[in-house]
Amino acid sequence: MALFVFGMHVGIEYTACAWRESSRNSCKLSSCLWRNSSGLESTETPTIAILTSDMILESFGYEADTQIHENNIDKLLVFSDFIRKIFCDGPTVGIINASFIQ
């Protein structure tokens, strides 16, 4: 039987995640690979999230960054720099640094 351990770092500018599968015979470490708009892969992605008005995740990371640059964010909630707002401005209740674009 394998045991999985998962970790995620949601940083101020970038996010990364990794997991480890450990079994009796081996221990394998893996990480998420995020592809940017140039097609390059990285183990980290920008901490940007886009949600629908129903609060459903539309896109995250490089995908969200590309969506913003293509101005394809009509009637969506854009969350960027939200981790910095949490730590610099203190905890708040509700939507943090979100803009609703109509």
C-alpha atoms as a PDB file:
ATOM      1  CA  MET A   1       0.000   0.000   0.000  1.00  0.00           C
ATOM      2  CA  ALA A   2       1.337   3.445  -0.942  1.00  0.00           C
ATOM      3  CA  LEU A   3       1.177   6.525   1.262  1.00  0.00           C
ATOM      4  CA  PHE A   4       0.821   9.972  -0.335  1.00  0.00           C
ATOM      5  CA  VAL A   5       1.921  13.231   1.268  1.00  0.00           C
ATOM      6  CA  PHE A   6       0.926  16.474  -0.507  1.00  0.00           C
ATOM      7  CA  GLY A   7       2.156  19.999   0.118  1.00  0.00           C
ATOM      8  CA  MET A   8       1.246  23.329  -1.448  1.00  0.00           C
ATOM      9  CA  HIS A   9       2.887  26.707  -1.027  1.00  0.00           C
ATOM     10  CA  VAL A  10       0.632  29.640  -1.901  1.00  0.00           C
ATOM     11  CA  GLY A  11       3.142  32.455  -2.013  1.00  0.00           C
ATOM     12  CA  ILE A  12       2.900  36.194  -2.426  1.00  0.00           C
ATOM     13  CA  GLU A  13       3.987  36.091  -6.075  1.00  0.00           C
ATOM     14  CA  TYR A  14       4.175  32.391  -6.975  1.00  0.00           C
ATOM     15  CA  THR A  15       2.533  29.108  -5.996  1.00  0.00           C
ATOM     16  CA  ALA A  16       4.053  25.631  -6.049  1.00  0.00           C
ATOM     17  CA  CYS A  17       3.000  22.151  -5.011  1.00  0.00           C
ATOM     18  CA  ALA A  18       4.649  18.769  -4.595  1.00  0.00           C
ATOM     19  CA  TRP A  19       3.755  15.318  -3.373  1.00  0.00           C
ATOM     20  CA  ARG A  20       5.548  12.199  -2.320  1.00  0.00           C
ATOM     21  CA  GLU A  21       4.494   8.628  -2.859  1.00  0.00           C
ATOM     22  CA  SER A  22       6.045   6.298  -0.365  1.00  0.00           C
ATOM     23  CA  SER A  23       5.676   2.559  -0.434  1.00  0.00           C
ATOM     24  CA  ARG A  24       7.615  -0.365   0.926  1.00  0.00           C
ATOM     25  CA  ASN A  25       9.861  -0.511  -2.157  1.00  0.00           C
ATOM     26  CA  SER A  26      10.319   3.128  -3.192  1.00  0.00           C
ATOM     27  CA  CYS A  27       9.886   6.785  -2.355  1.00  0.00           C
ATOM     28  CA  LYS A  28       9.028   9.004  -5.333  1.00  0.00           C
ATOM     29  CA  LEU A  29       8.894  12.829  -5.127  1.00  0.00           C
ATOM     30  CA  SER A  30       6.899  14.696  -7.791  1.00  0.00           C
ATOM     31  CA  SER A  31       5.867  18.311  -8.353  1.00  0.00           C
ATOM     32  CA  CYS A  32       3.341  20.182 -10.452  1.00  0.00           C
ATOM     33  CA  LEU A  33       4.601  21.471 -13.771  1.00  0.00           C
ATOM     34  CA  TRP A  34       2.913  24.648 -14.932  1.00  0.00           C
ATOM     35  CA  ARG A  35       3.152  25.727 -18.592  1.00  0.00           C
ATOM     36  CA  ASN A  36       3.412  29.458 -19.334  1.00  0.00           C
ATOM     37  CA  SER A  37       2.210  31.184 -22.516  1.00  0.00           C
ATOM     38  CA  SER A  38       5.617  30.594 -24.170  1.00  0.00           C
ATOM     39  CA  GLY A  39       5.264  26.850 -23.613  1.00  0.00           C
ATOM     40  CA  LEU A  40       8.004  26.699 -20.977  1.00  0.00           C
ATOM     41  CA  GLU A  41       7.381  24.535 -17.913  1.00  0.00           C
ATOM     42  CA  SER A  42       8.058  25.628 -14.357  1.00  0.00           C
ATOM     43  CA  THR A  43       7.494  24.193 -10.893  1.00  0.00           C
ATOM     44  CA  GLU A  44       5.873  27.486  -9.830  1.00  0.00           C
ATOM     45  CA  THR A  45       3.047  29.611 -11.209  1.00  0.00           C
ATOM     46  CA  PRO A  46       1.822  33.161 -10.515  1.00  0.00           C
ATOM     47  CA  THR A  47      -0.624  33.444  -7.611  1.00  0.00           C
ATOM     48  CA  ILE A  48      -3.545  34.767  -9.671  1.00  0.00           C
ATOM     49  CA  ALA A  49      -7.076  33.348  -9.628  1.00  0.00           C
ATOM     50  CA  ILE A  50     -10.093  34.174 -11.790  1.00  0.00           C
ATOM     51  CA  LEU A  51     -13.553  33.148 -10.606  1.00  0.00           C
ATOM     52  CA  THR A  52     -16.987  33.382 -12.174  1.00  0.00           C
ATOM     53  CA  SER A  53     -19.644  35.539 -10.516  1.00  0.00           C
ATOM     54  CA  ASP A  54     -20.913  32.271  -8.931  1.00  0.00           C
ATOM     55  CA  MET A  55     -17.476  31.892  -7.242  1.00  0.00           C
ATOM     56  CA  ILE A  56     -16.426  28.941  -9.423  1.00  0.00           C
ATOM     57  CA  LEU A  57     -12.741  28.767 -10.343  1.00  0.00           C
ATOM     58  CA  GLU A  58     -12.342  29.822 -13.980  1.00  0.00           C
ATOM     59  CA  SER A  59      -8.532  29.742 -14.186  1.00  0.00           C
ATOM     60  CA  PHE A  60      -5.421  29.922 -12.022  1.00  0.00           C
ATOM     61  CA  GLY A  61      -1.752  30.795 -12.429  1.00  0.00           C
ATOM     62  CA  TYR A  62      -0.279  31.149 -15.912  1.00  0.00           C
ATOM     63  CA  GLU A  63      -3.659  30.341 -17.457  1.00  0.00           C
ATOM     64  CA  ALA A  64      -5.269  33.226 -15.530  1.00  0.00           C
ATOM     65  CA  ASP A  65      -2.356  35.542 -16.399  1.00  0.00           C
ATOM     66  CA  THR A  66      -2.807  34.767 -20.109  1.00  0.00           C
ATOM     67  CA  GLN A  67      -6.569  35.287 -19.815  1.00  0.00           C
ATOM     68  CA  ILE A  68      -5.982  38.746 -18.274  1.00  0.00           C
ATOM     69  CA  HIS A  69      -3.443  39.758 -20.941  1.00  0.00           C
ATOM     70  CA  GLU A  70      -5.845  38.661 -23.684  1.00  0.00           C
ATOM     71  CA  ASN A  71      -8.508  40.810 -21.960  1.00  0.00           C
ATOM     72  CA  ASN A  72     -10.756  37.758 -21.769  1.00  0.00           C
ATOM     73  CA  ILE A  73     -12.126  38.537 -18.301  1.00  0.00           C
ATOM     74  CA  ASP A  74     -15.555  39.950 -19.035  1.00  0.00           C
ATOM     75  CA  LYS A  75     -17.830  39.622 -15.962  1.00  0.00           C
ATOM     76  CA  LEU A  76     -15.256  37.642 -13.969  1.00  0.00           C
ATOM     77  CA  LEU A  77     -13.707  38.150 -10.540  1.00  0.00           C
ATOM     78  CA  VAL A  78      -9.938  38.653 -10.735  1.00  0.00           C
ATOM     79  CA  PHE A  79      -7.885  37.922  -7.602  1.00  0.00           C
ATOM     80  CA  SER A  80      -4.283  39.046  -7.815  1.00  0.00           C
ATOM     81  CA  ASP A  81      -1.867  39.975  -5.062  1.00  0.00           C
ATOM     82  CA  PHE A  82      -4.378  38.646  -2.520  1.00  0.00           C
ATOM     83  CA  ILE A  83      -1.787  36.889  -0.338  1.00  0.00           C
ATOM     84  CA  ARG A  84       0.143  40.168   0.084  1.00  0.00           C
ATOM     85  CA  LYS A  85      -3.118  41.883   1.107  1.00  0.00           C
ATOM     86  CA  ILE A  86      -3.799  39.197   3.731  1.00  0.00           C
ATOM     87  CA  PHE A  87      -0.363  39.483   5.345  1.00  0.00           C
ATOM     88  CA  CYS A  88       0.196  43.226   4.951  1.00  0.00           C
ATOM     89  CA  ASP A  89      -3.309  44.499   5.745  1.00  0.00           C
ATOM     90  CA  GLY A  90      -4.300  41.813   8.227  1.00  0.00           C
ATOM     91  CA  PRO A  91      -7.136  39.315   7.965  1.00  0.00           C
ATOM     92  CA  THR A  92     -10.453  40.535   6.624  1.00  0.00           C
ATOM     93  CA  VAL A  93     -13.825  38.955   6.037  1.00  0.00           C
ATOM     94  CA  GLY A  94     -15.173  38.644   2.522  1.00  0.00           C
ATOM     95  CA  ILE A  95     -13.541  39.100  -0.858  1.00  0.00           C
ATOM     96  CA  ILE A  96      -9.932  40.277  -0.669  1.00  0.00           C
ATOM     97  CA  ASN A  97      -8.613  42.605  -3.389  1.00  0.00           C
ATOM     98  CA  ALA A  98     -11.023  41.328  -6.010  1.00  0.00           C
ATOM     99  CA  SER A  99     -12.242  43.371  -8.914  1.00  0.00           C
ATOM    100  CA  PHE A 100     -15.496  42.625 -10.713  1.00  0.00           C
ATOM    101  CA  ILE A 101     -15.141  43.548 -14.346  1.00  0.00           C
ATOM    102  CA  GLN A 102     -18.329  44.175 -16.268  1.00  0.00           C
END
